[in-house]
Amino acid sequence: MIDVREAEVTTMSEKGQVVIPQMMRKELELTPKTKLLVYRKDNLLILKKLEIPDLAKEWDDIVKQMSKKGLKMSFEEIQKEVDAVRAANR
């Protein structure tokens, strides 16, 4: 449910640009170039911050988990597995 007491008023420019109020930008850590998803339901627009995963960190986590389990795979073997999963999901 949306709390209308937290509503702010903004104005759209001729180019369709809308300024997100400063307080909301700070609270949500929205910085220039932040990607937002835009959803529409009838006359309601919803913006959602797009969380882009840190792939380097995720890769490091995978390598650590593999090391703990004593698994050793070459880059080529890993790429082959990734390709197989992607193909299966198509």
N, C-alpha and C. Protein backbone atom coordinates (compact mmCIF):
# COMPACT_ATOMS: atom_id res chain seq x y z
N MET A 1 0.84 -1.18 0.00
CA MET A 1 0.00 0.00 0.00
C MET A 1 0.88 1.24 0.00
N ILE A 2 0.49 2.24 -0.72
CA ILE A 2 1.25 3.48 -0.83
C ILE A 2 0.81 4.43 0.27
N ASP A 3 1.79 4.99 0.98
CA ASP A 3 1.51 5.98 2.03
C ASP A 3 1.50 7.35 1.38
N VAL A 4 0.31 7.91 1.15
CA VAL A 4 0.21 9.19 0.45
C VAL A 4 0.76 10.35 1.26
N ARG A 5 1.00 10.15 2.55
CA ARG A 5 1.60 11.21 3.36
C ARG A 5 3.04 11.45 2.96
N GLU A 6 3.66 10.48 2.28
CA GLU A 6 5.04 10.64 1.83
C GLU A 6 5.11 11.19 0.40
N ALA A 7 3.99 11.58 -0.17
CA ALA A 7 3.95 12.07 -1.54
C ALA A 7 4.64 13.42 -1.67
N GLU A 8 5.25 13.63 -2.82
CA GLU A 8 5.87 14.91 -3.18
C GLU A 8 5.31 15.31 -4.54
N VAL A 9 5.33 16.58 -4.84
CA VAL A 9 4.88 17.07 -6.13
C VAL A 9 6.10 17.45 -6.96
N THR A 10 6.09 17.02 -8.22
CA THR A 10 7.15 17.38 -9.15
C THR A 10 6.49 17.71 -10.48
N THR A 11 7.22 18.33 -11.38
CA THR A 11 6.67 18.73 -12.66
C THR A 11 7.51 18.12 -13.78
N MET A 12 6.82 17.65 -14.81
CA MET A 12 7.51 17.08 -15.95
C MET A 12 7.91 18.18 -16.93
N SER A 13 9.14 18.09 -17.46
CA SER A 13 9.61 19.08 -18.43
C SER A 13 9.04 18.77 -19.81
N GLU A 14 9.30 19.65 -20.76
CA GLU A 14 8.85 19.43 -22.13
C GLU A 14 9.47 18.19 -22.74
N LYS A 15 10.64 17.78 -22.24
CA LYS A 15 11.32 16.59 -22.74
C LYS A 15 10.88 15.33 -22.00
N GLY A 16 9.92 15.44 -21.09
CA GLY A 16 9.45 14.27 -20.35
C GLY A 16 10.29 13.96 -19.13
N GLN A 17 11.18 14.85 -18.74
CA GLN A 17 12.04 14.62 -17.59
C GLN A 17 11.33 15.02 -16.30
N VAL A 18 11.54 14.20 -15.27
CA VAL A 18 10.93 14.45 -13.96
C VAL A 18 12.04 14.46 -12.92
N VAL A 19 12.01 15.46 -12.04
CA VAL A 19 12.99 15.52 -10.97
C VAL A 19 12.45 14.75 -9.77
N ILE A 20 13.26 13.80 -9.29
CA ILE A 20 12.91 13.07 -8.08
C ILE A 20 13.36 13.93 -6.90
N PRO A 21 12.48 14.21 -5.95
CA PRO A 21 12.84 15.09 -4.84
C PRO A 21 14.13 14.64 -4.13
N GLN A 22 14.94 15.62 -3.73
CA GLN A 22 16.25 15.38 -3.15
C GLN A 22 16.21 14.41 -1.97
N MET A 23 15.25 14.58 -1.07
CA MET A 23 15.16 13.72 0.11
C MET A 23 15.01 12.25 -0.32
N MET A 24 14.17 12.00 -1.32
CA MET A 24 13.95 10.64 -1.80
C MET A 24 15.21 10.10 -2.50
N ARG A 25 15.89 10.97 -3.26
CA ARG A 25 17.13 10.53 -3.92
C ARG A 25 18.17 10.11 -2.88
N LYS A 26 18.29 10.88 -1.81
CA LYS A 26 19.26 10.55 -0.76
C LYS A 26 18.88 9.26 -0.05
N GLU A 27 17.61 9.13 0.33
CA GLU A 27 17.16 7.94 1.06
C GLU A 27 17.35 6.67 0.24
N LEU A 28 17.13 6.75 -1.07
CA LEU A 28 17.23 5.58 -1.94
C LEU A 28 18.61 5.45 -2.60
N GLU A 29 19.51 6.38 -2.25
CA GLU A 29 20.86 6.39 -2.82
C GLU A 29 20.82 6.41 -4.35
N LEU A 30 19.99 7.30 -4.88
CA LEU A 30 19.89 7.48 -6.33
C LEU A 30 20.91 8.53 -6.75
N THR A 31 21.81 8.14 -7.62
CA THR A 31 22.85 9.03 -8.10
C THR A 31 22.71 9.17 -9.61
N PRO A 32 23.41 10.14 -10.22
CA PRO A 32 23.34 10.25 -11.67
C PRO A 32 23.70 8.91 -12.32
N LYS A 33 22.98 8.56 -13.36
CA LYS A 33 23.15 7.32 -14.12
C LYS A 33 22.53 6.10 -13.45
N THR A 34 21.87 6.27 -12.28
CA THR A 34 21.16 5.15 -11.66
C THR A 34 20.06 4.71 -12.62
N LYS A 35 19.96 3.41 -12.83
CA LYS A 35 18.92 2.85 -13.70
C LYS A 35 17.64 2.64 -12.89
N LEU A 36 16.52 3.01 -13.48
CA LEU A 36 15.21 2.85 -12.85
C LEU A 36 14.29 2.07 -13.77
N LEU A 37 13.53 1.16 -13.20
CA LEU A 37 12.48 0.47 -13.93
C LEU A 37 11.21 1.31 -13.79
N VAL A 38 10.44 1.41 -14.86
CA VAL A 38 9.20 2.18 -14.83
C VAL A 38 8.05 1.23 -15.13
N TYR A 39 7.11 1.15 -14.20
CA TYR A 39 5.93 0.31 -14.36
C TYR A 39 4.71 1.22 -14.50
N ARG A 40 3.74 0.75 -15.27
CA ARG A 40 2.48 1.50 -15.41
C ARG A 40 1.31 0.59 -15.07
N LYS A 41 0.41 1.08 -14.27
CA LYS A 41 -0.86 0.40 -13.96
C LYS A 41 -1.94 1.47 -14.05
N ASP A 42 -2.71 1.41 -15.12
CA ASP A 42 -3.72 2.44 -15.39
C ASP A 42 -3.02 3.81 -15.41
N ASN A 43 -3.41 4.73 -14.52
CA ASN A 43 -2.77 6.05 -14.51
C ASN A 43 -1.72 6.19 -13.40
N LEU A 44 -1.24 5.05 -12.89
CA LEU A 44 -0.24 5.04 -11.83
C LEU A 44 1.12 4.66 -12.43
N LEU A 45 2.14 5.46 -12.18
CA LEU A 45 3.50 5.15 -12.60
C LEU A 45 4.32 4.81 -11.37
N ILE A 46 5.09 3.75 -11.46
CA ILE A 46 5.93 3.33 -10.34
C ILE A 46 7.36 3.24 -10.83
N LEU A 47 8.28 3.88 -10.10
CA LEU A 47 9.70 3.80 -10.41
C LEU A 47 10.34 2.88 -9.39
N LYS A 48 11.22 2.00 -9.86
CA LYS A 48 11.93 1.08 -8.97
C LYS A 48 13.40 1.11 -9.33
N LYS A 49 14.24 1.28 -8.32
CA LYS A 49 15.69 1.29 -8.54
C LYS A 49 16.12 -0.08 -9.04
N LEU A 50 16.85 -0.09 -10.14
CA LEU A 50 17.34 -1.34 -10.70
C LEU A 50 18.65 -1.68 -10.02
N GLU A 51 18.66 -2.79 -9.32
CA GLU A 51 19.85 -3.24 -8.62
C GLU A 51 20.67 -4.09 -9.58
N ILE A 52 21.81 -3.58 -9.98
CA ILE A 52 22.68 -4.31 -10.89
C ILE A 52 23.71 -5.06 -10.05
N PRO A 53 23.76 -6.38 -10.19
CA PRO A 53 24.67 -7.16 -9.36
C PRO A 53 26.13 -6.86 -9.66
N ASP A 54 26.96 -6.99 -8.64
CA ASP A 54 28.40 -6.85 -8.79
C ASP A 54 28.94 -8.20 -9.25
N LEU A 55 29.14 -8.35 -10.54
CA LEU A 55 29.53 -9.64 -11.10
C LEU A 55 30.89 -10.10 -10.61
N ALA A 56 31.81 -9.19 -10.40
CA ALA A 56 33.14 -9.58 -9.91
C ALA A 56 33.02 -10.19 -8.52
N LYS A 57 32.20 -9.58 -7.66
CA LYS A 57 32.00 -10.11 -6.30
C LYS A 57 31.31 -11.47 -6.35
N GLU A 58 30.28 -11.58 -7.20
CA GLU A 58 29.59 -12.87 -7.32
C GLU A 58 30.54 -13.95 -7.82
N TRP A 59 31.40 -13.61 -8.77
CA TRP A 59 32.36 -14.59 -9.29
C TRP A 59 33.32 -15.02 -8.19
N ASP A 60 33.82 -14.06 -7.41
CA ASP A 60 34.73 -14.39 -6.29
C ASP A 60 34.04 -15.32 -5.30
N ASP A 61 32.76 -15.06 -5.02
CA ASP A 61 32.01 -15.92 -4.10
C ASP A 61 31.90 -17.35 -4.64
N ILE A 62 31.65 -17.47 -5.93
CA ILE A 62 31.55 -18.80 -6.56
C ILE A 62 32.88 -19.53 -6.45
N VAL A 63 33.96 -18.84 -6.75
CA VAL A 63 35.29 -19.46 -6.69
C VAL A 63 35.60 -19.90 -5.26
N LYS A 64 35.24 -19.09 -4.28
CA LYS A 64 35.47 -19.46 -2.86
C LYS A 64 34.68 -20.71 -2.49
N GLN A 65 33.41 -20.76 -2.92
CA GLN A 65 32.59 -21.93 -2.62
C GLN A 65 33.17 -23.18 -3.28
N MET A 66 33.63 -23.04 -4.50
CA MET A 66 34.23 -24.18 -5.20
C MET A 66 35.49 -24.64 -4.47
N SER A 67 36.30 -23.70 -4.03
CA SER A 67 37.55 -24.05 -3.32
C SER A 67 37.25 -24.79 -2.03
N LYS A 68 36.23 -24.34 -1.29
CA LYS A 68 35.85 -24.99 -0.04
C LYS A 68 35.46 -26.45 -0.29
N LYS A 69 34.85 -26.71 -1.43
CA LYS A 69 34.40 -28.06 -1.75
C LYS A 69 35.46 -28.86 -2.50
N GLY A 70 36.62 -28.24 -2.70
CA GLY A 70 37.70 -28.94 -3.38
C GLY A 70 37.47 -29.11 -4.87
N LEU A 71 36.63 -28.28 -5.43
CA LEU A 71 36.34 -28.38 -6.87
C LEU A 71 37.33 -27.53 -7.66
N LYS A 72 37.88 -28.11 -8.65
CA LYS A 72 38.83 -27.40 -9.52
C LYS A 72 38.31 -27.49 -10.95
N MET A 73 38.06 -26.32 -11.54
CA MET A 73 37.60 -26.29 -12.92
C MET A 73 38.37 -25.20 -13.66
N SER A 74 38.70 -25.49 -14.90
CA SER A 74 39.36 -24.47 -15.73
C SER A 74 38.30 -23.47 -16.19
N PHE A 75 38.78 -22.34 -16.69
CA PHE A 75 37.86 -21.34 -17.22
C PHE A 75 37.03 -21.94 -18.34
N GLU A 76 37.65 -22.73 -19.19
CA GLU A 76 36.95 -23.35 -20.32
C GLU A 76 35.84 -24.28 -19.85
N GLU A 77 36.11 -25.06 -18.79
CA GLU A 77 35.09 -25.96 -18.25
C GLU A 77 33.92 -25.18 -17.67
N ILE A 78 34.25 -24.10 -16.98
CA ILE A 78 33.19 -23.26 -16.40
C ILE A 78 32.35 -22.65 -17.52
N GLN A 79 33.01 -22.13 -18.56
CA GLN A 79 32.29 -21.52 -19.67
C GLN A 79 31.40 -22.54 -20.36
N LYS A 80 31.87 -23.77 -20.49
CA LYS A 80 31.08 -24.84 -21.10
C LYS A 80 29.81 -25.10 -20.28
N GLU A 81 29.94 -25.12 -18.95
CA GLU A 81 28.78 -25.32 -18.07
C GLU A 81 27.79 -24.16 -18.18
N VAL A 82 28.33 -22.94 -18.20
CA VAL A 82 27.47 -21.75 -18.32
C VAL A 82 26.70 -21.80 -19.64
N ASP A 83 27.39 -22.12 -20.72
CA ASP A 83 26.74 -22.22 -22.03
C ASP A 83 25.65 -23.29 -22.04
N ALA A 84 25.90 -24.40 -21.36
CA ALA A 84 24.90 -25.49 -21.32
C ALA A 84 23.66 -25.05 -20.57
N VAL A 85 23.85 -24.34 -19.46
CA VAL A 85 22.69 -23.85 -18.67
C VAL A 85 21.90 -22.83 -19.48
N ARG A 86 22.61 -21.92 -20.14
CA ARG A 86 21.92 -20.91 -20.95
C ARG A 86 21.13 -21.57 -22.07
N ALA A 87 21.72 -22.56 -22.72
CA ALA A 87 21.04 -23.26 -23.82
C ALA A 87 19.79 -23.96 -23.31
N ALA A 88 19.88 -24.56 -22.13
CA ALA A 88 18.74 -25.28 -21.55
C ALA A 88 17.60 -24.32 -21.18
N ASN A 89 17.95 -23.08 -20.86
CA ASN A 89 16.94 -22.10 -20.43
C ASN A 89 16.30 -21.36 -21.60
N ARG A 90 16.77 -21.60 -22.80
CA ARG A 90 16.18 -20.91 -23.98
C ARG A 90 14.90 -21.52 -24.40
